[in-house]
Amino acid sequence: MPSDAPALILAAHGVSGALGAQVVADLASMTEAAHPGLAVRTAQLRDDTEGLMTVLGALGTESLPGQEIGVNAVVVPLVTGPYPEFEEVLRKAVAGTPANVSAVVAQPLGPHPVIAQALHTRLAEAGLARADRVRLLTMVTAADGVIVGVTGGDTAVGDAEVTSVLLASRLAVPVLPVLLDGGSSVAAAAAQLRNAGSARVALAPCVIGPEADPVLIARAAAEAGTECAEPIGAHPALVQLIAVRYAEALERAWAAE
């Protein structure tokens, strides 16, 4: 990144304790290491704009780069798919920025093949999938049915179908998307997969970390009788995707100028 690149703000949905905060901090550190000179900030918020507005307000006291393109901060939502309510909160926060701060909101990280790659990694780490994509040999310990758990309402489930198809193509097993916070959705999906012939069903939480309660994930897996991979967390591949969304947002800003 050039030294005059606008600041990058990683905006996480939710405030699920120290674990979620550590995930965001780790992603920020990894992004800074991959792009020296880029100013990276973080903000965690749910239904209010205070956290992001505080970060944007602090930028207003600094000597900001990016003035020549009319943008000096890019907000990248740390969510794995479109999340209309969260994106609206981000837009409200950006609309309330100080007069000397011009910020834009990037697209969510997914759906994207990188998200499916990260889910594959977490499943493999849990012994629930092959670490590679070679399908000629059978890994007897691998799950033969996967549930992709998301947050964000019914809209999120529809968008997660793309990620599920991408993951299914990697694993060569059936994959179903469901809401983690949708009552018996996980259990119903597990029953559907078992009825279709899956003997070992796994839950793959398609979340970065802060947006989902770990206790809720564990409870959903237990009630469904499934094994569970870790959330995506600070997966190194996300750094690449963050850079892509950052660049796309700047391209749109340049086009608008």
C-alpha atoms as a PDB file:
ATOM      1  CA  MET A   1       0.000   0.000   0.000  1.00  0.00           C
ATOM      2  CA  PRO A   2       1.255   3.548  -0.697  1.00  0.00           C
ATOM      3  CA  SER A   3       2.167   5.674   2.312  1.00  0.00           C
ATOM      4  CA  ASP A   4      -0.744   8.025   1.585  1.00  0.00           C
ATOM      5  CA  ALA A   5      -3.366   5.245   1.500  1.00  0.00           C
ATOM      6  CA  PRO A   6      -6.565   6.008   3.426  1.00  0.00           C
ATOM      7  CA  ALA A   7      -6.920   4.409   6.857  1.00  0.00           C
ATOM      8  CA  LEU A   8      -8.540   0.977   7.101  1.00  0.00           C
ATOM      9  CA  ILE A   9     -11.127   0.426   9.837  1.00  0.00           C
ATOM     10  CA  LEU A  10     -12.074  -3.192  10.557  1.00  0.00           C
ATOM     11  CA  ALA A  11     -15.645  -3.068  11.896  1.00  0.00           C
ATOM     12  CA  ALA A  12     -16.789  -6.156  13.796  1.00  0.00           C
ATOM     13  CA  HIS A  13     -20.410  -6.917  14.605  1.00  0.00           C
ATOM     14  CA  GLY A  14     -21.015  -7.776  18.234  1.00  0.00           C
ATOM     15  CA  VAL A  15     -19.065  -7.583  21.442  1.00  0.00           C
ATOM     16  CA  SER A  16     -18.813 -11.210  22.547  1.00  0.00           C
ATOM     17  CA  GLY A  17     -16.082 -10.715  25.135  1.00  0.00           C
ATOM     18  CA  ALA A  18     -12.329 -11.005  25.106  1.00  0.00           C
ATOM     19  CA  LEU A  19     -12.208 -13.849  22.572  1.00  0.00           C
ATOM     20  CA  GLY A  20     -14.003 -11.807  19.899  1.00  0.00           C
ATOM     21  CA  ALA A  21     -11.871  -8.747  20.637  1.00  0.00           C
ATOM     22  CA  GLN A  22      -8.702 -10.829  20.283  1.00  0.00           C
ATOM     23  CA  VAL A  23      -9.806 -12.120  16.873  1.00  0.00           C
ATOM     24  CA  VAL A  24     -10.302  -8.551  15.621  1.00  0.00           C
ATOM     25  CA  ALA A  25      -6.957  -7.454  17.084  1.00  0.00           C
ATOM     26  CA  ASP A  26      -5.193 -10.393  15.441  1.00  0.00           C
ATOM     27  CA  LEU A  27      -6.721  -9.601  12.043  1.00  0.00           C
ATOM     28  CA  ALA A  28      -5.619  -5.988  12.420  1.00  0.00           C
ATOM     29  CA  SER A  29      -2.049  -7.044  13.261  1.00  0.00           C
ATOM     30  CA  MET A  30      -1.912  -9.483  10.349  1.00  0.00           C
ATOM     31  CA  THR A  31      -3.234  -6.827   7.958  1.00  0.00           C
ATOM     32  CA  GLU A  32      -0.673  -4.277   9.141  1.00  0.00           C
ATOM     33  CA  ALA A  33       2.114  -6.846   8.690  1.00  0.00           C
ATOM     34  CA  ALA A  34       0.928  -7.645   5.157  1.00  0.00           C
ATOM     35  CA  HIS A  35       0.560  -3.968   4.215  1.00  0.00           C
ATOM     36  CA  PRO A  36       3.252  -1.883   5.954  1.00  0.00           C
ATOM     37  CA  GLY A  37       2.394   1.768   6.169  1.00  0.00           C
ATOM     38  CA  LEU A  38      -1.353   1.227   6.116  1.00  0.00           C
ATOM     39  CA  ALA A  39      -3.054   2.712   9.171  1.00  0.00           C
ATOM     40  CA  VAL A  40      -5.375   0.031  10.564  1.00  0.00           C
ATOM     41  CA  ARG A  41      -8.004   0.721  13.228  1.00  0.00           C
ATOM     42  CA  THR A  42     -10.685  -1.515  14.761  1.00  0.00           C
ATOM     43  CA  ALA A  43     -14.221  -0.948  16.008  1.00  0.00           C
ATOM     44  CA  GLN A  44     -16.725  -3.336  17.576  1.00  0.00           C
ATOM     45  CA  LEU A  45     -20.401  -2.415  17.556  1.00  0.00           C
ATOM     46  CA  ARG A  46     -23.794  -4.015  17.385  1.00  0.00           C
ATOM     47  CA  ASP A  47     -26.915  -1.846  17.117  1.00  0.00           C
ATOM     48  CA  ASP A  48     -25.398   1.533  17.943  1.00  0.00           C
ATOM     49  CA  THR A  49     -22.908   3.725  16.117  1.00  0.00           C
ATOM     50  CA  GLU A  50     -20.869   4.858  19.116  1.00  0.00           C
ATOM     51  CA  GLY A  51     -17.877   2.540  18.704  1.00  0.00           C
ATOM     52  CA  LEU A  52     -17.258   3.396  15.066  1.00  0.00           C
ATOM     53  CA  MET A  53     -17.986   7.089  15.506  1.00  0.00           C
ATOM     54  CA  THR A  54     -15.384   7.204  18.287  1.00  0.00           C
ATOM     55  CA  VAL A  55     -12.750   5.737  15.970  1.00  0.00           C
ATOM     56  CA  LEU A  56     -13.721   8.063  13.115  1.00  0.00           C
ATOM     57  CA  GLY A  57     -13.692  11.033  15.475  1.00  0.00           C
ATOM     58  CA  ALA A  58     -10.166  10.154  16.607  1.00  0.00           C
ATOM     59  CA  LEU A  59      -9.052  10.107  12.968  1.00  0.00           C
ATOM     60  CA  GLY A  60     -10.297  13.674  12.716  1.00  0.00           C
ATOM     61  CA  THR A  61      -7.524  14.788  15.066  1.00  0.00           C
ATOM     62  CA  GLU A  62      -4.794  13.189  12.949  1.00  0.00           C
ATOM     63  CA  SER A  63      -3.053  14.250   9.752  1.00  0.00           C
ATOM     64  CA  LEU A  64      -4.968  12.044   7.360  1.00  0.00           C
ATOM     65  CA  PRO A  65      -3.838  10.678   4.001  1.00  0.00           C
ATOM     66  CA  GLY A  66      -6.138  10.220   1.055  1.00  0.00           C
ATOM     67  CA  GLN A  67      -7.380  13.791   0.776  1.00  0.00           C
ATOM     68  CA  GLU A  68      -6.512  13.958  -2.921  1.00  0.00           C
ATOM     69  CA  ILE A  69      -9.137  11.298  -3.708  1.00  0.00           C
ATOM     70  CA  GLY A  70     -11.689  12.657  -1.280  1.00  0.00           C
ATOM     71  CA  VAL A  71     -11.553   9.592   1.011  1.00  0.00           C
ATOM     72  CA  ASN A  72      -9.351   9.126   4.058  1.00  0.00           C
ATOM     73  CA  ALA A  73     -10.938   6.091   5.715  1.00  0.00           C
ATOM     74  CA  VAL A  74     -12.412   2.816   4.465  1.00  0.00           C
ATOM     75  CA  VAL A  75     -14.652   0.785   6.779  1.00  0.00           C
ATOM     76  CA  VAL A  76     -14.539  -2.959   6.049  1.00  0.00           C
ATOM     77  CA  PRO A  77     -17.302  -4.991   7.766  1.00  0.00           C
ATOM     78  CA  LEU A  78     -15.918  -8.162   9.362  1.00  0.00           C
ATOM     79  CA  VAL A  79     -18.887 -10.324   8.442  1.00  0.00           C
ATOM     80  CA  THR A  80     -18.928 -13.330   6.127  1.00  0.00           C
ATOM     81  CA  GLY A  81     -21.910 -12.221   4.063  1.00  0.00           C
ATOM     82  CA  PRO A  82     -24.382  -9.386   3.511  1.00  0.00           C
ATOM     83  CA  TYR A  83     -25.850  -8.201   6.835  1.00  0.00           C
ATOM     84  CA  PRO A  84     -28.280  -5.353   6.044  1.00  0.00           C
ATOM     85  CA  GLU A  85     -28.916  -4.258   9.649  1.00  0.00           C
ATOM     86  CA  PHE A  86     -25.220  -4.074  10.486  1.00  0.00           C
ATOM     87  CA  GLU A  87     -24.370  -2.306   7.242  1.00  0.00           C
ATOM     88  CA  GLU A  88     -27.051   0.297   8.002  1.00  0.00           C
ATOM     89  CA  VAL A  89     -25.430   0.952  11.402  1.00  0.00           C
ATOM     90  CA  LEU A  90     -22.080   1.455   9.658  1.00  0.00           C
ATOM     91  CA  ARG A  91     -23.580   3.867   7.128  1.00  0.00           C
ATOM     92  CA  LYS A  92     -25.179   5.902   9.945  1.00  0.00           C
ATOM     93  CA  ALA A  93     -21.856   6.114  11.742  1.00  0.00           C
ATOM     94  CA  VAL A  94     -20.067   7.245   8.579  1.00  0.00           C
ATOM     95  CA  ALA A  95     -22.766   9.851   7.957  1.00  0.00           C
ATOM     96  CA  GLY A  96     -22.015  11.312  11.388  1.00  0.00           C
ATOM     97  CA  THR A  97     -18.262  11.670  10.890  1.00  0.00           C
ATOM     98  CA  PRO A  98     -16.427  14.941  11.571  1.00  0.00           C
ATOM     99  CA  ALA A  99     -16.350  17.386   8.682  1.00  0.00           C
ATOM    100  CA  ASN A 100     -12.648  16.721   8.055  1.00  0.00           C
ATOM    101  CA  VAL A 101     -13.097  12.936   7.818  1.00  0.00           C
ATOM    102  CA  SER A 102     -14.478  11.335   4.677  1.00  0.00           C
ATOM    103  CA  ALA A 103     -15.173   7.612   5.012  1.00  0.00           C
ATOM    104  CA  VAL A 104     -16.755   4.939   2.828  1.00  0.00           C
ATOM    105  CA  VAL A 105     -18.148   1.521   3.735  1.00  0.00           C
ATOM    106  CA  ALA A 106     -16.827  -1.505   1.831  1.00  0.00           C
ATOM    107  CA  GLN A 107     -18.742  -4.664   0.943  1.00  0.00           C
ATOM    108  CA  PRO A 108     -18.875  -7.559   3.457  1.00  0.00           C
ATOM    109  CA  LEU A 109     -16.122 -10.155   3.138  1.00  0.00           C
ATOM    110  CA  GLY A 110     -18.355 -12.813   1.591  1.00  0.00           C
ATOM    111  CA  PRO A 111     -19.738 -14.705  -0.101  1.00  0.00           C
ATOM    112  CA  HIS A 112     -16.356 -15.520  -1.613  1.00  0.00           C
ATOM    113  CA  PRO A 113     -14.279 -18.641  -2.333  1.00  0.00           C
ATOM    114  CA  VAL A 114     -11.853 -17.524   0.379  1.00  0.00           C
ATOM    115  CA  ILE A 115     -14.615 -17.931   2.988  1.00  0.00           C
ATOM    116  CA  ALA A 116     -15.202 -21.511   1.814  1.00  0.00           C
ATOM    117  CA  GLN A 117     -11.442 -22.084   1.952  1.00  0.00           C
ATOM    118  CA  ALA A 118     -11.320 -20.861   5.560  1.00  0.00           C
ATOM    119  CA  LEU A 119     -14.233 -23.099   6.565  1.00  0.00           C
ATOM    120  CA  HIS A 120     -12.476 -26.045   4.920  1.00  0.00           C
ATOM    121  CA  THR A 121      -9.357 -25.274   6.959  1.00  0.00           C
ATOM    122  CA  ARG A 122     -11.251 -25.196  10.261  1.00  0.00           C
ATOM    123  CA  LEU A 123     -13.036 -28.463   9.456  1.00  0.00           C
ATOM    124  CA  ALA A 124      -9.718 -30.099   8.586  1.00  0.00           C
ATOM    125  CA  GLU A 125      -8.147 -28.842  11.817  1.00  0.00           C
ATOM    126  CA  ALA A 126     -10.982 -30.524  13.724  1.00  0.00           C
ATOM    127  CA  GLY A 127     -10.448 -33.787  11.842  1.00  0.00           C
ATOM    128  CA  LEU A 128     -13.759 -33.392  10.038  1.00  0.00           C
ATOM    129  CA  ALA A 129     -12.448 -32.995   6.476  1.00  0.00           C
ATOM    130  CA  ARG A 130      -9.423 -33.758   4.353  1.00  0.00           C
ATOM    131  CA  ALA A 131      -6.844 -31.008   4.465  1.00  0.00           C
ATOM    132  CA  ASP A 132      -6.574 -31.068   0.659  1.00  0.00           C
ATOM    133  CA  ARG A 133      -9.129 -31.285  -2.129  1.00  0.00           C
ATOM    134  CA  VAL A 134      -8.089 -34.698  -3.462  1.00  0.00           C
ATOM    135  CA  ARG A 135     -11.209 -36.848  -3.582  1.00  0.00           C
ATOM    136  CA  LEU A 136      -9.744 -40.090  -4.897  1.00  0.00           C
ATOM    137  CA  LEU A 137      -9.125 -41.430  -1.392  1.00  0.00           C
ATOM    138  CA  THR A 138     -11.701 -41.574   1.358  1.00  0.00           C
ATOM    139  CA  MET A 139     -10.879 -40.152   4.768  1.00  0.00           C
ATOM    140  CA  VAL A 140     -12.942 -42.406   7.007  1.00  0.00           C
ATOM    141  CA  THR A 141     -12.918 -39.921   9.881  1.00  0.00           C
ATOM    142  CA  ALA A 142     -14.235 -37.056   7.771  1.00  0.00           C
ATOM    143  CA  ALA A 143     -17.785 -35.797   8.103  1.00  0.00           C
ATOM    144  CA  ASP A 144     -20.062 -36.794   5.247  1.00  0.00           C
ATOM    145  CA  GLY A 145     -22.488 -33.932   5.808  1.00  0.00           C
ATOM    146  CA  VAL A 146     -21.816 -30.322   6.844  1.00  0.00           C
ATOM    147  CA  ILE A 147     -23.982 -27.543   8.258  1.00  0.00           C
ATOM    148  CA  VAL A 148     -22.804 -23.982   7.624  1.00  0.00           C
ATOM    149  CA  GLY A 149     -24.032 -21.881  10.558  1.00  0.00           C
ATOM    150  CA  VAL A 150     -24.522 -18.149  10.073  1.00  0.00           C
ATOM    151  CA  THR A 151     -25.945 -15.149  11.914  1.00  0.00           C
ATOM    152  CA  GLY A 152     -27.867 -12.210  10.476  1.00  0.00           C
ATOM    153  CA  GLY A 153     -31.390 -13.462   9.858  1.00  0.00           C
ATOM    154  CA  ASP A 154     -33.095 -15.193   6.954  1.00  0.00           C
ATOM    155  CA  THR A 155     -31.325 -13.006   4.403  1.00  0.00           C
ATOM    156  CA  ALA A 156     -27.986 -14.286   5.672  1.00  0.00           C
ATOM    157  CA  VAL A 157     -29.087 -17.887   5.128  1.00  0.00           C
ATOM    158  CA  GLY A 158     -29.914 -17.150   1.501  1.00  0.00           C
ATOM    159  CA  ASP A 159     -26.525 -15.545   0.934  1.00  0.00           C
ATOM    160  CA  ALA A 160     -24.786 -18.429   2.729  1.00  0.00           C
ATOM    161  CA  GLU A 161     -26.109 -20.797   0.071  1.00  0.00           C
ATOM    162  CA  VAL A 162     -23.324 -19.521  -2.191  1.00  0.00           C
ATOM    163  CA  THR A 163     -20.690 -20.342   0.425  1.00  0.00           C
ATOM    164  CA  SER A 164     -22.322 -23.724   1.016  1.00  0.00           C
ATOM    165  CA  VAL A 165     -22.127 -24.610  -2.682  1.00  0.00           C
ATOM    166  CA  LEU A 166     -18.460 -23.575  -2.774  1.00  0.00           C
ATOM    167  CA  LEU A 167     -17.702 -25.658   0.320  1.00  0.00           C
ATOM    168  CA  ALA A 168     -19.624 -28.652  -1.018  1.00  0.00           C
ATOM    169  CA  SER A 169     -17.542 -28.542  -4.194  1.00  0.00           C
ATOM    170  CA  ARG A 170     -14.366 -28.616  -2.104  1.00  0.00           C
ATOM    171  CA  LEU A 171     -15.466 -31.465   0.180  1.00  0.00           C
ATOM    172  CA  ALA A 172     -17.707 -33.462  -2.186  1.00  0.00           C
ATOM    173  CA  VAL A 173     -20.321 -33.839   0.572  1.00  0.00           C
ATOM    174  CA  PRO A 174     -23.770 -32.247   1.040  1.00  0.00           C
ATOM    175  CA  VAL A 175     -23.724 -28.868   2.797  1.00  0.00           C
ATOM    176  CA  LEU A 176     -26.700 -26.967   4.223  1.00  0.00           C
ATOM    177  CA  PRO A 177     -26.765 -23.337   5.470  1.00  0.00           C
ATOM    178  CA  VAL A 178     -28.764 -22.504   8.626  1.00  0.00           C
ATOM    179  CA  LEU A 179     -29.087 -19.812  11.278  1.00  0.00           C
ATOM    180  CA  LEU A 180     -27.058 -20.393  14.422  1.00  0.00           C
ATOM    181  CA  ASP A 181     -29.577 -18.357  16.384  1.00  0.00           C
ATOM    182  CA  GLY A 182     -32.649 -19.767  14.668  1.00  0.00           C
ATOM    183  CA  GLY A 183     -33.995 -22.100  17.345  1.00  0.00           C
ATOM    184  CA  SER A 184     -34.006 -25.681  16.085  1.00  0.00           C
ATOM    185  CA  SER A 185     -32.560 -24.876  12.652  1.00  0.00           C
ATOM    186  CA  VAL A 186     -29.257 -26.684  13.260  1.00  0.00           C
ATOM    187  CA  ALA A 187     -30.996 -29.766  14.647  1.00  0.00           C
ATOM    188  CA  ALA A 188     -33.439 -29.807  11.727  1.00  0.00           C
ATOM    189  CA  ALA A 189     -30.602 -29.534   9.196  1.00  0.00           C
ATOM    190  CA  ALA A 190     -28.723 -32.357  10.925  1.00  0.00           C
ATOM    191  CA  ALA A 191     -31.833 -34.551  10.758  1.00  0.00           C
ATOM    192  CA  GLN A 192     -32.259 -33.723   7.067  1.00  0.00           C
ATOM    193  CA  LEU A 193     -28.658 -34.714   6.303  1.00  0.00           C
ATOM    194  CA  ARG A 194     -28.970 -37.956   8.275  1.00  0.00           C
ATOM    195  CA  ASN A 195     -32.190 -38.827   6.490  1.00  0.00           C
ATOM    196  CA  ALA A 196     -30.324 -38.329   3.223  1.00  0.00           C
ATOM    197  CA  GLY A 197     -27.635 -40.807   4.300  1.00  0.00           C
ATOM    198  CA  SER A 198     -25.010 -38.770   6.164  1.00  0.00           C
ATOM    199  CA  ALA A 199     -23.647 -40.788   9.080  1.00  0.00           C
ATOM    200  CA  ARG A 200     -21.362 -38.113  10.541  1.00  0.00           C
ATOM    201  CA  VAL A 201     -22.559 -34.508  10.483  1.00  0.00           C
ATOM    202  CA  ALA A 202     -20.375 -31.503  11.314  1.00  0.00           C
ATOM    203  CA  LEU A 203     -21.236 -27.906  12.145  1.00  0.00           C
ATOM    204  CA  ALA A 204     -19.009 -25.269  10.526  1.00  0.00           C
ATOM    205  CA  PRO A 205     -19.637 -21.832  12.119  1.00  0.00           C
ATOM    206  CA  CYS A 206     -19.392 -19.347   9.241  1.00  0.00           C
ATOM    207  CA  VAL A 207     -18.579 -16.434  11.545  1.00  0.00           C
ATOM    208  CA  ILE A 208     -15.434 -14.426  12.251  1.00  0.00           C
ATOM    209  CA  GLY A 209     -15.970 -14.525  16.013  1.00  0.00           C
ATOM    210  CA  PRO A 210     -17.446 -11.423  17.680  1.00  0.00           C
ATOM    211  CA  GLU A 211     -20.835 -11.769  15.967  1.00  0.00           C
ATOM    212  CA  ALA A 212     -21.718 -15.135  17.533  1.00  0.00           C
ATOM    213  CA  ASP A 213     -21.785 -16.291  21.152  1.00  0.00           C
ATOM    214  CA  PRO A 214     -19.490 -19.355  21.564  1.00  0.00           C
ATOM    215  CA  VAL A 215     -21.938 -20.772  24.110  1.00  0.00           C
ATOM    216  CA  LEU A 216     -24.759 -20.527  21.548  1.00  0.00           C
ATOM    217  CA  ILE A 217     -22.655 -22.377  18.963  1.00  0.00           C
ATOM    218  CA  ALA A 218     -21.756 -25.152  21.399  1.00  0.00           C
ATOM    219  CA  ARG A 219     -25.387 -25.511  22.487  1.00  0.00           C
ATOM    220  CA  ALA A 220     -26.631 -25.717  18.902  1.00  0.00           C
ATOM    221  CA  ALA A 221     -24.079 -28.438  18.090  1.00  0.00           C
ATOM    222  CA  ALA A 222     -24.937 -30.406  21.227  1.00  0.00           C
ATOM    223  CA  GLU A 223     -28.677 -30.251  20.603  1.00  0.00           C
ATOM    224  CA  ALA A 224     -28.170 -31.400  17.012  1.00  0.00           C
ATOM    225  CA  GLY A 225     -25.738 -34.144  17.987  1.00  0.00           C
ATOM    226  CA  THR A 226     -23.064 -32.841  15.628  1.00  0.00           C
ATOM    227  CA  GLU A 227     -19.345 -32.307  15.973  1.00  0.00           C
ATOM    228  CA  CYS A 228     -18.231 -28.715  15.606  1.00  0.00           C
ATOM    229  CA  ALA A 229     -15.311 -26.922  13.973  1.00  0.00           C
ATOM    230  CA  GLU A 230     -13.944 -23.651  15.290  1.00  0.00           C
ATOM    231  CA  PRO A 231     -15.269 -20.342  13.902  1.00  0.00           C
ATOM    232  CA  ILE A 232     -13.230 -18.827  11.063  1.00  0.00           C
ATOM    233  CA  GLY A 233     -11.503 -16.433  13.456  1.00  0.00           C
ATOM    234  CA  ALA A 234      -8.296 -14.700  12.388  1.00  0.00           C
ATOM    235  CA  HIS A 235      -7.679 -16.925   9.373  1.00  0.00           C
ATOM    236  CA  PRO A 236      -4.700 -15.648   7.320  1.00  0.00           C
ATOM    237  CA  ALA A 237      -6.708 -15.872   4.090  1.00  0.00           C
ATOM    238  CA  LEU A 238      -9.055 -13.174   5.391  1.00  0.00           C
ATOM    239  CA  VAL A 239      -6.241 -10.630   5.153  1.00  0.00           C
ATOM    240  CA  GLN A 240      -6.277 -11.107   1.372  1.00  0.00           C
ATOM    241  CA  LEU A 241     -10.048 -10.641   1.312  1.00  0.00           C
ATOM    242  CA  ILE A 242      -9.890  -7.523   3.496  1.00  0.00           C
ATOM    243  CA  ALA A 243      -7.428  -5.997   1.007  1.00  0.00           C
ATOM    244  CA  VAL A 244      -9.751  -6.845  -1.879  1.00  0.00           C
ATOM    245  CA  ARG A 245     -12.765  -5.159  -0.247  1.00  0.00           C
ATOM    246  CA  TYR A 246     -10.637  -2.137   0.702  1.00  0.00           C
ATOM    247  CA  ALA A 247      -9.410  -1.717  -2.885  1.00  0.00           C
ATOM    248  CA  GLU A 248     -12.910  -2.177  -4.332  1.00  0.00           C
ATOM    249  CA  ALA A 249     -14.284   0.551  -2.053  1.00  0.00           C
ATOM    250  CA  LEU A 250     -11.555   2.954  -3.158  1.00  0.00           C
ATOM    251  CA  GLU A 251     -12.193   2.160  -6.806  1.00  0.00           C
ATOM    252  CA  ARG A 252     -15.855   3.053  -6.327  1.00  0.00           C
ATOM    253  CA  ALA A 253     -14.847   6.280  -4.600  1.00  0.00           C
ATOM    254  CA  TRP A 254     -12.500   7.189  -7.459  1.00  0.00           C
ATOM    255  CA  ALA A 255     -15.221   6.451 -10.003  1.00  0.00           C
ATOM    256  CA  ALA A 256     -17.640   8.681  -8.108  1.00  0.00           C
ATOM    257  CA  GLU A 257     -15.083  11.500  -8.069  1.00  0.00           C
END
